[in-house]
C-alpha atoms as a PDB file:
ATOM      1  CA  UNK A   1      25.231  32.358  20.124  1.00  0.00           C
ATOM      2  CA  UNK A   2      25.939  28.984  18.487  1.00  0.00           C
ATOM      3  CA  UNK A   3      23.193  27.027  16.828  1.00  0.00           C
ATOM      4  CA  UNK A   4      22.978  23.253  17.193  1.00  0.00           C
ATOM      5  CA  UNK A   5      23.954  21.270  14.088  1.00  0.00           C
ATOM      6  CA  UNK A   6      20.429  19.919  13.727  1.00  0.00           C
ATOM      7  CA  UNK A   7      19.039  23.464  13.474  1.00  0.00           C
ATOM      8  CA  UNK A   8      21.722  24.472  10.967  1.00  0.00           C
ATOM      9  CA  UNK A   9      21.061  21.376   8.843  1.00  0.00           C
ATOM     10  CA  UNK A  10      17.323  21.995   9.015  1.00  0.00           C
ATOM     11  CA  UNK A  11      17.795  25.609   7.908  1.00  0.00           C
ATOM     12  CA  UNK A  12      20.157  24.557   5.099  1.00  0.00           C
ATOM     13  CA  UNK A  13      17.661  22.043   3.743  1.00  0.00           C
ATOM     14  CA  UNK A  14      14.823  24.566   3.941  1.00  0.00           C
ATOM     15  CA  UNK A  15      16.985  27.158   2.156  1.00  0.00           C
ATOM     16  CA  UNK A  16      17.813  24.612  -0.556  1.00  0.00           C
ATOM     17  CA  UNK A  17      14.115  23.841  -1.039  1.00  0.00           C
ATOM     18  CA  UNK A  18      13.316  27.566  -1.207  1.00  0.00           C
ATOM     19  CA  UNK A  19      16.105  28.195  -3.716  1.00  0.00           C
ATOM     20  CA  UNK A  20      14.880  25.386  -5.957  1.00  0.00           C
ATOM     21  CA  UNK A  21      11.354  26.768  -5.808  1.00  0.00           C
ATOM     22  CA  UNK A  22      12.652  30.182  -6.903  1.00  0.00           C
ATOM     23  CA  UNK A  23      14.497  28.467  -9.760  1.00  0.00           C
ATOM     24  CA  UNK A  24      11.179  26.847 -10.719  1.00  0.00           C
ATOM     25  CA  UNK A  25       9.540  30.306 -10.674  1.00  0.00           C
ATOM     26  CA  UNK A  26      12.157  31.666 -13.084  1.00  0.00           C
ATOM     27  CA  UNK A  27      11.814  28.602 -15.312  1.00  0.00           C
ATOM     28  CA  UNK A  28       8.017  28.920 -15.387  1.00  0.00           C
ATOM     29  CA  UNK A  29       8.254  32.614 -16.272  1.00  0.00           C
ATOM     30  CA  UNK A  30      10.687  31.845 -19.099  1.00  0.00           C
ATOM     31  CA  UNK A  31       8.413  29.077 -20.349  1.00  0.00           C
ATOM     32  CA  UNK A  32       5.435  31.423 -20.218  1.00  0.00           C
ATOM     33  CA  UNK A  33       7.318  34.024 -22.256  1.00  0.00           C
ATOM     34  CA  UNK A  34       8.879  31.683 -24.822  1.00  0.00           C
ATOM     35  CA  UNK A  35       6.283  28.952 -25.354  1.00  0.00           C
ATOM     36  CA  UNK A  36       2.583  29.055 -26.062  1.00  0.00           C
ATOM     37  CA  UNK A  37       0.757  27.332 -23.222  1.00  0.00           C
ATOM     38  CA  UNK A  38      -2.245  25.141 -23.948  1.00  0.00           C
ATOM     39  CA  UNK A  39      -4.099  27.105 -21.292  1.00  0.00           C
ATOM     40  CA  UNK A  40      -2.813  30.539 -20.348  1.00  0.00           C
ATOM     41  CA  UNK A  41      -5.030  30.642 -17.258  1.00  0.00           C
ATOM     42  CA  UNK A  42      -3.628  27.324 -16.009  1.00  0.00           C
ATOM     43  CA  UNK A  43      -0.053  28.416 -16.697  1.00  0.00           C
ATOM     44  CA  UNK A  44      -0.547  31.626 -14.740  1.00  0.00           C
ATOM     45  CA  UNK A  45      -2.294  29.783 -11.901  1.00  0.00           C
ATOM     46  CA  UNK A  46       0.586  27.308 -11.596  1.00  0.00           C
ATOM     47  CA  UNK A  47       3.073  30.186 -11.650  1.00  0.00           C
ATOM     48  CA  UNK A  48       1.189  31.977  -8.863  1.00  0.00           C
ATOM     49  CA  UNK A  49       1.066  28.779  -6.768  1.00  0.00           C
ATOM     50  CA  UNK A  50       4.812  28.230  -7.145  1.00  0.00           C
ATOM     51  CA  UNK A  51       5.535  31.884  -6.248  1.00  0.00           C
ATOM     52  CA  UNK A  52       3.397  31.536  -3.101  1.00  0.00           C
ATOM     53  CA  UNK A  53       5.133  28.252  -2.207  1.00  0.00           C
ATOM     54  CA  UNK A  54       8.580  29.779  -2.786  1.00  0.00           C
ATOM     55  CA  UNK A  55       7.749  32.789  -0.619  1.00  0.00           C
ATOM     56  CA  UNK A  56       6.327  30.557   2.122  1.00  0.00           C
ATOM     57  CA  UNK A  57       9.291  28.159   2.220  1.00  0.00           C
ATOM     58  CA  UNK A  58      11.656  31.172   2.177  1.00  0.00           C
ATOM     59  CA  UNK A  59       9.843  32.627   5.189  1.00  0.00           C
ATOM     60  CA  UNK A  60      10.087  29.293   6.994  1.00  0.00           C
ATOM     61  CA  UNK A  61      13.815  29.060   6.186  1.00  0.00           C
ATOM     62  CA  UNK A  62      14.517  32.595   7.439  1.00  0.00           C
ATOM     63  CA  UNK A  63      12.560  32.037  10.630  1.00  0.00           C
ATOM     64  CA  UNK A  64      14.157  28.659  11.283  1.00  0.00           C
ATOM     65  CA  UNK A  65      17.388  30.555  11.933  1.00  0.00           C
ATOM     66  CA  UNK A  66      15.464  32.918  14.198  1.00  0.00           C
ATOM     67  CA  UNK A  67      14.220  29.889  16.149  1.00  0.00           C
ATOM     68  CA  UNK A  68      10.516  30.699  15.754  1.00  0.00           C
ATOM     69  CA  UNK A  69       8.205  28.048  17.135  1.00  0.00           C
ATOM     70  CA  UNK A  70       5.690  28.265  14.283  1.00  0.00           C
ATOM     71  CA  UNK A  71       8.208  26.990  11.728  1.00  0.00           C
ATOM     72  CA  UNK A  72       7.775  23.400  12.891  1.00  0.00           C
ATOM     73  CA  UNK A  73       4.135  23.226  11.830  1.00  0.00           C
ATOM     74  CA  UNK A  74       4.813  25.152   8.627  1.00  0.00           C
ATOM     75  CA  UNK A  75       7.764  22.932   7.717  1.00  0.00           C
ATOM     76  CA  UNK A  76       5.804  19.745   8.440  1.00  0.00           C
ATOM     77  CA  UNK A  77       2.994  20.979   6.203  1.00  0.00           C
ATOM     78  CA  UNK A  78       5.379  21.778   3.365  1.00  0.00           C
ATOM     79  CA  UNK A  79       7.183  18.450   3.691  1.00  0.00           C
ATOM     80  CA  UNK A  80       3.870  16.588   3.479  1.00  0.00           C
ATOM     81  CA  UNK A  81       2.996  18.510   0.318  1.00  0.00           C
ATOM     82  CA  UNK A  82       6.420  17.719  -1.089  1.00  0.00           C
ATOM     83  CA  UNK A  83       6.009  14.026  -0.221  1.00  0.00           C
ATOM     84  CA  UNK A  84       2.653  13.992  -2.021  1.00  0.00           C
ATOM     85  CA  UNK A  85       4.309  15.430  -5.137  1.00  0.00           C
ATOM     86  CA  UNK A  86       7.144  12.897  -4.799  1.00  0.00           C
ATOM     87  CA  UNK A  87       4.678  10.007  -4.663  1.00  0.00           C
ATOM     88  CA  UNK A  88       3.067  11.355  -7.835  1.00  0.00           C
ATOM     89  CA  UNK A  89       6.491  11.348  -9.510  1.00  0.00           C
ATOM     90  CA  UNK A  90       6.803   7.606  -8.959  1.00  0.00           C
ATOM     91  CA  UNK A  91       3.666   6.681 -10.861  1.00  0.00           C
ATOM     92  CA  UNK A  92       1.712   7.402 -13.997  1.00  0.00           C
ATOM     93  CA  UNK A  93       2.444   7.704 -17.681  1.00  0.00           C
ATOM     94  CA  UNK A  94       5.127  10.356 -17.206  1.00  0.00           C
ATOM     95  CA  UNK A  95       6.718   8.880 -14.075  1.00  0.00           C
ATOM     96  CA  UNK A  96      10.033  10.410 -13.004  1.00  0.00           C
ATOM     97  CA  UNK A  97      11.422   8.323 -10.141  1.00  0.00           C
ATOM     98  CA  UNK A  98      14.605  10.428 -10.100  1.00  0.00           C
ATOM     99  CA  UNK A  99      12.578  13.536  -9.274  1.00  0.00           C
ATOM    100  CA  UNK A 100      10.499  11.536  -6.807  1.00  0.00           C
ATOM    101  CA  UNK A 101      13.585  10.504  -4.851  1.00  0.00           C
ATOM    102  CA  UNK A 102      15.017  14.043  -5.056  1.00  0.00           C
ATOM    103  CA  UNK A 103      11.845  15.330  -3.394  1.00  0.00           C
ATOM    104  CA  UNK A 104      11.231  12.454  -1.002  1.00  0.00           C
ATOM    105  CA  UNK A 105      14.640  12.068   0.646  1.00  0.00           C
ATOM    106  CA  UNK A 106      15.085  15.704   1.810  1.00  0.00           C
ATOM    107  CA  UNK A 107      11.500  15.710   3.074  1.00  0.00           C
ATOM    108  CA  UNK A 108      12.141  12.642   5.208  1.00  0.00           C
ATOM    109  CA  UNK A 109      15.342  14.185   6.598  1.00  0.00           C
ATOM    110  CA  UNK A 110      13.588  17.490   7.390  1.00  0.00           C
ATOM    111  CA  UNK A 111      10.695  15.675   9.079  1.00  0.00           C
ATOM    112  CA  UNK A 112      13.173  13.691  11.140  1.00  0.00           C
ATOM    113  CA  UNK A 113      15.072  16.832  12.141  1.00  0.00           C
ATOM    114  CA  UNK A 114      11.889  18.670  13.099  1.00  0.00           C
ATOM    115  CA  UNK A 115      11.180  16.097  15.782  1.00  0.00           C
ATOM    116  CA  UNK A 116      14.645  15.863  17.280  1.00  0.00           C
ATOM    117  CA  UNK A 117      14.883  17.082  20.865  1.00  0.00           C
ATOM    118  CA  UNK A 118      17.483  19.770  19.971  1.00  0.00           C
ATOM    119  CA  UNK A 119      15.306  21.354  17.243  1.00  0.00           C
ATOM    120  CA  UNK A 120      12.227  21.214  19.455  1.00  0.00           C
ATOM    121  CA  UNK A 121      14.161  22.805  22.329  1.00  0.00           C
ATOM    122  CA  UNK A 122      15.595  25.529  20.078  1.00  0.00           C
ATOM    123  CA  UNK A 123      12.233  26.390  18.528  1.00  0.00           C
ATOM    124  CA  UNK A 124      10.119  26.299  21.663  1.00  0.00           C
ATOM    125  CA  UNK A 125       9.087  29.652  23.035  1.00  0.00           C
ATOM    126  CA  UNK A 126       9.845  29.807  26.760  1.00  0.00           C
ATOM    127  CA  UNK A 127       6.818  30.235  28.982  1.00  0.00           C
ATOM    128  CA  UNK A 128       6.426  33.742  30.424  1.00  0.00           C
ATOM    129  CA  UNK A 129       7.267  34.003  34.110  1.00  0.00           C
END
């Protein structure tokens, strides 16, 4: 069974986001092992949050290919979180607009794809007869 291009692109973007989150997990673990954090509790808490986020986005990516209807709400939620982080990257003392754009642009594309008729049709559970 062929998947529409919009669904494939959506899944690819979700997989890319999940992969980058897993890279962040590895980086945080290495930082925890090689550097002395100012607050060990905060460092561990951030690591746990990123692990949970990576697992969640991975689950959404896997189930996007399985055409589960719940992925739309989960993906929208994650994209809104990612947009909030992107907005934070644009401002403040340690602003990183490059990271802000790298987070913002895929989120906008994913949000757009989630509301296309093809993705909605592919991820809508048919009513029981």
